Amino acid sequence: MSDNTDLDAEDRKIITLARSARARNGVPEGAAVRDETGRTYVAGTVALESLKLSALRTAVAMAVASGAQSLEAAAVVGEAAEAADEDRAAVRDLGGPETPVLLAGPDGTLRSTVTAG
């Protein structure tokens, strides 16, 4: 397990926003992404009968729908120990293979950082 002290303020911010979305909405995951201009997009898991999206894919979709051209970073807060392949693919599609994906536990503590690649 890693602590968050080595993260820059912007990365700590997206973890905090992702954690807040998870708690506020009572969903399994919260996610946040930061685009090339520094704007953030925050989402929780979508679990409708007709539509199921992870929090991270929802945040990426929100960024795309809002006109983002690329991503600087992404964060997921939840119980999972690793990012799903589909989630990393969505980040990679918009941000490229080197975009960092920060994985944090429910308490917001960083567990690991992987690339979208």
N, C-alpha and C. Protein backbone atom coordinates (compact mmCIF):
# COMPACT_ATOMS: atom_id res chain seq x y z
N MET A 1 0.85 -1.17 0.00
CA MET A 1 0.00 0.00 0.00
C MET A 1 0.89 1.23 0.00
N SER A 2 0.43 2.25 -0.62
CA SER A 2 1.18 3.49 -0.77
C SER A 2 0.42 4.60 -0.06
N ASP A 3 1.14 5.61 0.41
CA ASP A 3 0.39 6.75 0.95
C ASP A 3 0.30 7.83 -0.12
N ASN A 4 -0.47 8.86 0.16
CA ASN A 4 -0.75 9.87 -0.85
C ASN A 4 0.20 11.06 -0.78
N THR A 5 1.20 11.02 0.08
CA THR A 5 2.06 12.18 0.26
C THR A 5 2.95 12.44 -0.94
N ASP A 6 3.24 11.42 -1.75
CA ASP A 6 4.09 11.62 -2.92
C ASP A 6 3.30 12.07 -4.15
N LEU A 7 1.99 12.20 -4.03
CA LEU A 7 1.16 12.66 -5.14
C LEU A 7 1.14 14.17 -5.19
N ASP A 8 1.01 14.71 -6.41
CA ASP A 8 0.85 16.17 -6.49
C ASP A 8 -0.59 16.52 -6.12
N ALA A 9 -0.83 17.79 -5.89
CA ALA A 9 -2.13 18.26 -5.42
C ALA A 9 -3.25 17.90 -6.38
N GLU A 10 -2.99 17.96 -7.68
CA GLU A 10 -4.04 17.65 -8.66
C GLU A 10 -4.42 16.17 -8.64
N ASP A 11 -3.47 15.29 -8.42
CA ASP A 11 -3.78 13.87 -8.32
C ASP A 11 -4.51 13.55 -7.02
N ARG A 12 -4.11 14.18 -5.93
CA ARG A 12 -4.86 14.01 -4.67
C ARG A 12 -6.30 14.49 -4.84
N LYS A 13 -6.47 15.57 -5.60
CA LYS A 13 -7.81 16.12 -5.82
C LYS A 13 -8.71 15.13 -6.54
N ILE A 14 -8.22 14.47 -7.59
CA ILE A 14 -9.11 13.56 -8.32
C ILE A 14 -9.42 12.31 -7.49
N ILE A 15 -8.50 11.89 -6.63
CA ILE A 15 -8.82 10.79 -5.72
C ILE A 15 -9.91 11.22 -4.74
N THR A 16 -9.78 12.41 -4.19
CA THR A 16 -10.78 12.93 -3.25
C THR A 16 -12.15 13.05 -3.92
N LEU A 17 -12.17 13.56 -5.14
CA LEU A 17 -13.45 13.70 -5.86
C LEU A 17 -14.06 12.33 -6.16
N ALA A 18 -13.24 11.37 -6.54
CA ALA A 18 -13.74 10.02 -6.82
C ALA A 18 -14.31 9.39 -5.55
N ARG A 19 -13.61 9.57 -4.45
CA ARG A 19 -14.08 9.03 -3.17
C ARG A 19 -15.40 9.66 -2.77
N SER A 20 -15.52 10.96 -2.96
CA SER A 20 -16.76 11.67 -2.63
C SER A 20 -17.93 11.18 -3.46
N ALA A 21 -17.70 10.94 -4.75
CA ALA A 21 -18.77 10.45 -5.63
C ALA A 21 -19.25 9.08 -5.17
N ARG A 22 -18.30 8.23 -4.80
CA ARG A 22 -18.64 6.88 -4.33
C ARG A 22 -19.51 6.96 -3.08
N ALA A 23 -19.08 7.77 -2.12
CA ALA A 23 -19.82 7.89 -0.86
C ALA A 23 -21.18 8.56 -1.05
N ARG A 24 -21.19 9.64 -1.80
CA ARG A 24 -22.43 10.42 -2.00
C ARG A 24 -23.51 9.59 -2.68
N ASN A 25 -23.11 8.78 -3.65
CA ASN A 25 -24.08 8.03 -4.44
C ASN A 25 -24.28 6.61 -3.94
N GLY A 26 -23.49 6.17 -2.96
CA GLY A 26 -23.64 4.82 -2.43
C GLY A 26 -23.40 3.75 -3.47
N VAL A 27 -22.39 3.96 -4.32
CA VAL A 27 -22.10 3.02 -5.41
C VAL A 27 -20.77 2.31 -5.14
N PRO A 28 -20.52 1.20 -5.82
CA PRO A 28 -19.29 0.44 -5.57
C PRO A 28 -18.00 1.18 -5.91
N GLU A 29 -18.05 2.04 -6.91
CA GLU A 29 -16.86 2.77 -7.34
C GLU A 29 -17.17 4.23 -7.58
N GLY A 30 -16.18 5.06 -7.35
CA GLY A 30 -16.20 6.45 -7.77
C GLY A 30 -14.98 6.66 -8.64
N ALA A 31 -15.08 7.55 -9.60
CA ALA A 31 -13.94 7.83 -10.47
C ALA A 31 -13.91 9.30 -10.84
N ALA A 32 -12.73 9.75 -11.20
CA ALA A 32 -12.57 11.12 -11.69
C ALA A 32 -11.45 11.11 -12.72
N VAL A 33 -11.60 11.94 -13.73
CA VAL A 33 -10.55 12.12 -14.73
C VAL A 33 -10.28 13.61 -14.87
N ARG A 34 -9.04 13.92 -15.26
CA ARG A 34 -8.62 15.31 -15.48
C ARG A 34 -8.22 15.45 -16.93
N ASP A 35 -8.81 16.44 -17.63
CA ASP A 35 -8.50 16.62 -19.05
C ASP A 35 -7.29 17.52 -19.25
N GLU A 36 -6.99 17.80 -20.51
CA GLU A 36 -5.81 18.58 -20.88
C GLU A 36 -5.85 20.03 -20.41
N THR A 37 -7.02 20.52 -20.04
CA THR A 37 -7.13 21.89 -19.55
C THR A 37 -7.21 21.96 -18.03
N GLY A 38 -7.19 20.81 -17.38
CA GLY A 38 -7.29 20.76 -15.93
C GLY A 38 -8.71 20.58 -15.41
N ARG A 39 -9.69 20.53 -16.31
CA ARG A 39 -11.07 20.28 -15.87
C ARG A 39 -11.19 18.85 -15.38
N THR A 40 -12.05 18.65 -14.38
CA THR A 40 -12.27 17.30 -13.86
C THR A 40 -13.71 16.86 -14.12
N TYR A 41 -13.85 15.57 -14.29
CA TYR A 41 -15.15 14.95 -14.53
C TYR A 41 -15.26 13.82 -13.53
N VAL A 42 -16.34 13.79 -12.77
CA VAL A 42 -16.50 12.86 -11.66
C VAL A 42 -17.75 12.02 -11.89
N ALA A 43 -17.66 10.73 -11.58
CA ALA A 43 -18.80 9.84 -11.81
C ALA A 43 -18.77 8.67 -10.83
N GLY A 44 -19.92 8.05 -10.69
CA GLY A 44 -20.05 6.81 -9.94
C GLY A 44 -20.47 5.70 -10.88
N THR A 45 -20.50 4.51 -10.37
CA THR A 45 -20.94 3.35 -11.14
C THR A 45 -22.39 3.58 -11.60
N VAL A 46 -22.68 3.22 -12.85
CA VAL A 46 -24.03 3.28 -13.39
C VAL A 46 -24.54 1.84 -13.49
N ALA A 47 -25.64 1.55 -12.81
CA ALA A 47 -26.18 0.19 -12.80
C ALA A 47 -27.69 0.22 -13.02
N LEU A 48 -28.06 0.60 -14.24
CA LEU A 48 -29.46 0.56 -14.63
C LEU A 48 -29.73 -0.79 -15.28
N GLU A 49 -30.98 -1.13 -15.38
CA GLU A 49 -31.31 -2.39 -16.04
C GLU A 49 -30.82 -2.40 -17.48
N SER A 50 -30.94 -1.26 -18.16
CA SER A 50 -30.57 -1.19 -19.58
C SER A 50 -29.18 -0.63 -19.84
N LEU A 51 -28.48 -0.17 -18.80
CA LEU A 51 -27.17 0.44 -18.99
C LEU A 51 -26.30 0.18 -17.77
N LYS A 52 -25.16 -0.45 -18.01
CA LYS A 52 -24.22 -0.72 -16.93
C LYS A 52 -22.85 -0.20 -17.36
N LEU A 53 -22.31 0.74 -16.56
CA LEU A 53 -21.00 1.32 -16.84
C LEU A 53 -20.22 1.44 -15.54
N SER A 54 -18.94 1.16 -15.62
CA SER A 54 -18.10 1.40 -14.45
C SER A 54 -18.00 2.90 -14.23
N ALA A 55 -17.57 3.27 -13.05
CA ALA A 55 -17.40 4.68 -12.74
C ALA A 55 -16.38 5.34 -13.68
N LEU A 56 -15.29 4.64 -13.95
CA LEU A 56 -14.25 5.23 -14.80
C LEU A 56 -14.73 5.41 -16.23
N ARG A 57 -15.40 4.43 -16.79
CA ARG A 57 -15.92 4.59 -18.16
C ARG A 57 -16.96 5.70 -18.21
N THR A 58 -17.74 5.87 -17.14
CA THR A 58 -18.72 6.96 -17.10
C THR A 58 -18.00 8.31 -17.06
N ALA A 59 -16.95 8.43 -16.26
CA ALA A 59 -16.20 9.69 -16.19
C ALA A 59 -15.54 10.01 -17.53
N VAL A 60 -14.99 9.01 -18.21
CA VAL A 60 -14.40 9.24 -19.52
C VAL A 60 -15.48 9.69 -20.51
N ALA A 61 -16.63 9.04 -20.48
CA ALA A 61 -17.73 9.43 -21.38
C ALA A 61 -18.16 10.88 -21.11
N MET A 62 -18.21 11.27 -19.86
CA MET A 62 -18.57 12.65 -19.52
C MET A 62 -17.54 13.63 -20.08
N ALA A 63 -16.26 13.27 -19.98
CA ALA A 63 -15.21 14.14 -20.51
C ALA A 63 -15.35 14.28 -22.02
N VAL A 64 -15.56 13.17 -22.71
CA VAL A 64 -15.72 13.21 -24.17
C VAL A 64 -16.93 14.05 -24.55
N ALA A 65 -18.04 13.82 -23.86
CA ALA A 65 -19.28 14.56 -24.16
C ALA A 65 -19.14 16.06 -23.90
N SER A 66 -18.19 16.42 -23.04
CA SER A 66 -17.96 17.83 -22.72
C SER A 66 -16.88 18.47 -23.59
N GLY A 67 -16.34 17.70 -24.52
CA GLY A 67 -15.37 18.26 -25.46
C GLY A 67 -13.91 18.06 -25.13
N ALA A 68 -13.59 17.25 -24.12
CA ALA A 68 -12.19 17.01 -23.79
C ALA A 68 -11.48 16.37 -24.98
N GLN A 69 -10.25 16.81 -25.21
CA GLN A 69 -9.45 16.28 -26.31
C GLN A 69 -8.47 15.20 -25.86
N SER A 70 -8.09 15.24 -24.57
CA SER A 70 -7.19 14.22 -24.02
C SER A 70 -7.33 14.20 -22.50
N LEU A 71 -6.71 13.21 -21.88
CA LEU A 71 -6.72 13.10 -20.43
C LEU A 71 -5.30 13.18 -19.90
N GLU A 72 -5.15 13.83 -18.75
CA GLU A 72 -3.87 13.87 -18.06
C GLU A 72 -3.76 12.75 -17.03
N ALA A 73 -4.88 12.40 -16.38
CA ALA A 73 -4.86 11.38 -15.33
C ALA A 73 -6.28 10.92 -15.03
N ALA A 74 -6.35 9.75 -14.41
CA ALA A 74 -7.62 9.18 -13.99
C ALA A 74 -7.45 8.56 -12.62
N ALA A 75 -8.53 8.50 -11.85
CA ALA A 75 -8.50 7.87 -10.53
C ALA A 75 -9.77 7.06 -10.32
N VAL A 76 -9.62 5.91 -9.66
CA VAL A 76 -10.75 5.06 -9.30
C VAL A 76 -10.64 4.75 -7.81
N VAL A 77 -11.75 4.90 -7.10
CA VAL A 77 -11.81 4.55 -5.69
C VAL A 77 -12.84 3.45 -5.52
N GLY A 78 -12.42 2.36 -4.90
CA GLY A 78 -13.32 1.23 -4.67
C GLY A 78 -12.56 0.07 -4.07
N GLU A 79 -13.21 -1.08 -4.06
CA GLU A 79 -12.63 -2.28 -3.47
C GLU A 79 -11.68 -3.01 -4.41
N ALA A 80 -11.84 -2.84 -5.72
CA ALA A 80 -11.04 -3.60 -6.69
C ALA A 80 -9.55 -3.31 -6.53
N ALA A 81 -8.75 -4.35 -6.67
CA ALA A 81 -7.30 -4.22 -6.54
C ALA A 81 -6.64 -3.78 -7.83
N GLU A 82 -7.36 -3.89 -8.93
CA GLU A 82 -6.79 -3.48 -10.22
C GLU A 82 -7.87 -2.89 -11.11
N ALA A 83 -7.43 -2.13 -12.10
CA ALA A 83 -8.37 -1.51 -13.05
C ALA A 83 -8.76 -2.54 -14.11
N ALA A 84 -10.03 -2.59 -14.43
CA ALA A 84 -10.51 -3.51 -15.46
C ALA A 84 -9.92 -3.12 -16.82
N ASP A 85 -9.72 -4.11 -17.66
CA ASP A 85 -9.18 -3.86 -18.99
C ASP A 85 -10.02 -2.85 -19.77
N GLU A 86 -11.36 -2.96 -19.64
CA GLU A 86 -12.25 -2.04 -20.36
C GLU A 86 -12.08 -0.60 -19.86
N ASP A 87 -11.83 -0.44 -18.58
CA ASP A 87 -11.62 0.89 -18.01
C ASP A 87 -10.32 1.49 -18.53
N ARG A 88 -9.26 0.70 -18.51
CA ARG A 88 -7.97 1.19 -19.01
C ARG A 88 -8.06 1.50 -20.51
N ALA A 89 -8.84 0.71 -21.25
CA ALA A 89 -9.00 0.96 -22.68
C ALA A 89 -9.70 2.31 -22.92
N ALA A 90 -10.71 2.63 -22.12
CA ALA A 90 -11.41 3.91 -22.28
C ALA A 90 -10.46 5.07 -22.02
N VAL A 91 -9.65 4.96 -20.96
CA VAL A 91 -8.67 6.01 -20.67
C VAL A 91 -7.65 6.10 -21.79
N ARG A 92 -7.19 4.98 -22.28
CA ARG A 92 -6.21 4.95 -23.37
C ARG A 92 -6.76 5.59 -24.64
N ASP A 93 -8.04 5.34 -24.95
CA ASP A 93 -8.65 5.90 -26.16
C ASP A 93 -8.60 7.43 -26.16
N LEU A 94 -8.76 8.04 -25.01
CA LEU A 94 -8.77 9.49 -24.93
C LEU A 94 -7.42 10.07 -24.50
N GLY A 95 -6.73 9.38 -23.62
CA GLY A 95 -5.51 9.94 -23.06
C GLY A 95 -4.21 9.37 -23.61
N GLY A 96 -4.28 8.21 -24.20
CA GLY A 96 -3.07 7.55 -24.68
C GLY A 96 -2.58 6.51 -23.69
N PRO A 97 -1.63 5.67 -24.12
CA PRO A 97 -1.20 4.54 -23.30
C PRO A 97 -0.42 4.92 -22.05
N GLU A 98 0.14 6.10 -21.99
CA GLU A 98 0.94 6.50 -20.82
C GLU A 98 0.13 7.23 -19.75
N THR A 99 -1.16 7.44 -19.97
CA THR A 99 -1.99 8.15 -19.00
C THR A 99 -2.05 7.35 -17.70
N PRO A 100 -1.69 7.98 -16.57
CA PRO A 100 -1.74 7.26 -15.30
C PRO A 100 -3.17 7.05 -14.81
N VAL A 101 -3.39 5.86 -14.26
CA VAL A 101 -4.66 5.52 -13.62
C VAL A 101 -4.33 5.21 -12.17
N LEU A 102 -4.81 6.06 -11.27
CA LEU A 102 -4.56 5.92 -9.84
C LEU A 102 -5.65 5.05 -9.23
N LEU A 103 -5.25 4.02 -8.52
CA LEU A 103 -6.20 3.11 -7.90
C LEU A 103 -6.13 3.29 -6.39
N ALA A 104 -7.26 3.64 -5.78
CA ALA A 104 -7.30 3.89 -4.34
C ALA A 104 -8.38 3.06 -3.68
N GLY A 105 -8.16 2.75 -2.42
CA GLY A 105 -9.15 2.02 -1.64
C GLY A 105 -10.27 2.95 -1.21
N PRO A 106 -11.30 2.37 -0.58
CA PRO A 106 -12.45 3.17 -0.15
C PRO A 106 -12.10 4.33 0.77
N ASP A 107 -10.99 4.22 1.50
CA ASP A 107 -10.58 5.31 2.38
C ASP A 107 -9.79 6.40 1.65
N GLY A 108 -9.59 6.21 0.34
CA GLY A 108 -8.87 7.19 -0.46
C GLY A 108 -7.37 7.00 -0.50
N THR A 109 -6.86 5.97 0.18
CA THR A 109 -5.42 5.72 0.17
C THR A 109 -5.01 5.07 -1.14
N LEU A 110 -4.01 5.65 -1.79
CA LEU A 110 -3.53 5.12 -3.05
C LEU A 110 -2.98 3.71 -2.85
N ARG A 111 -3.45 2.78 -3.69
CA ARG A 111 -2.94 1.41 -3.68
C ARG A 111 -1.86 1.21 -4.73
N SER A 112 -2.12 1.75 -5.91
CA SER A 112 -1.17 1.61 -7.00
C SER A 112 -1.49 2.59 -8.11
N THR A 113 -0.52 2.76 -8.98
CA THR A 113 -0.69 3.56 -10.19
C THR A 113 -0.29 2.69 -11.36
N VAL A 114 -1.16 2.60 -12.35
CA VAL A 114 -0.88 1.85 -13.57
C VAL A 114 -1.03 2.82 -14.74
N THR A 115 -0.56 2.42 -15.90
CA THR A 115 -0.82 3.22 -17.09
C THR A 115 -2.00 2.64 -17.85
N ALA A 116 -2.59 3.46 -18.69
CA ALA A 116 -3.73 3.00 -19.48
C ALA A 116 -3.31 1.99 -20.53
N GLY A 117 -2.02 1.99 -20.88
CA GLY A 117 -1.47 1.16 -21.95
C GLY A 117 -1.63 -0.28 -21.77
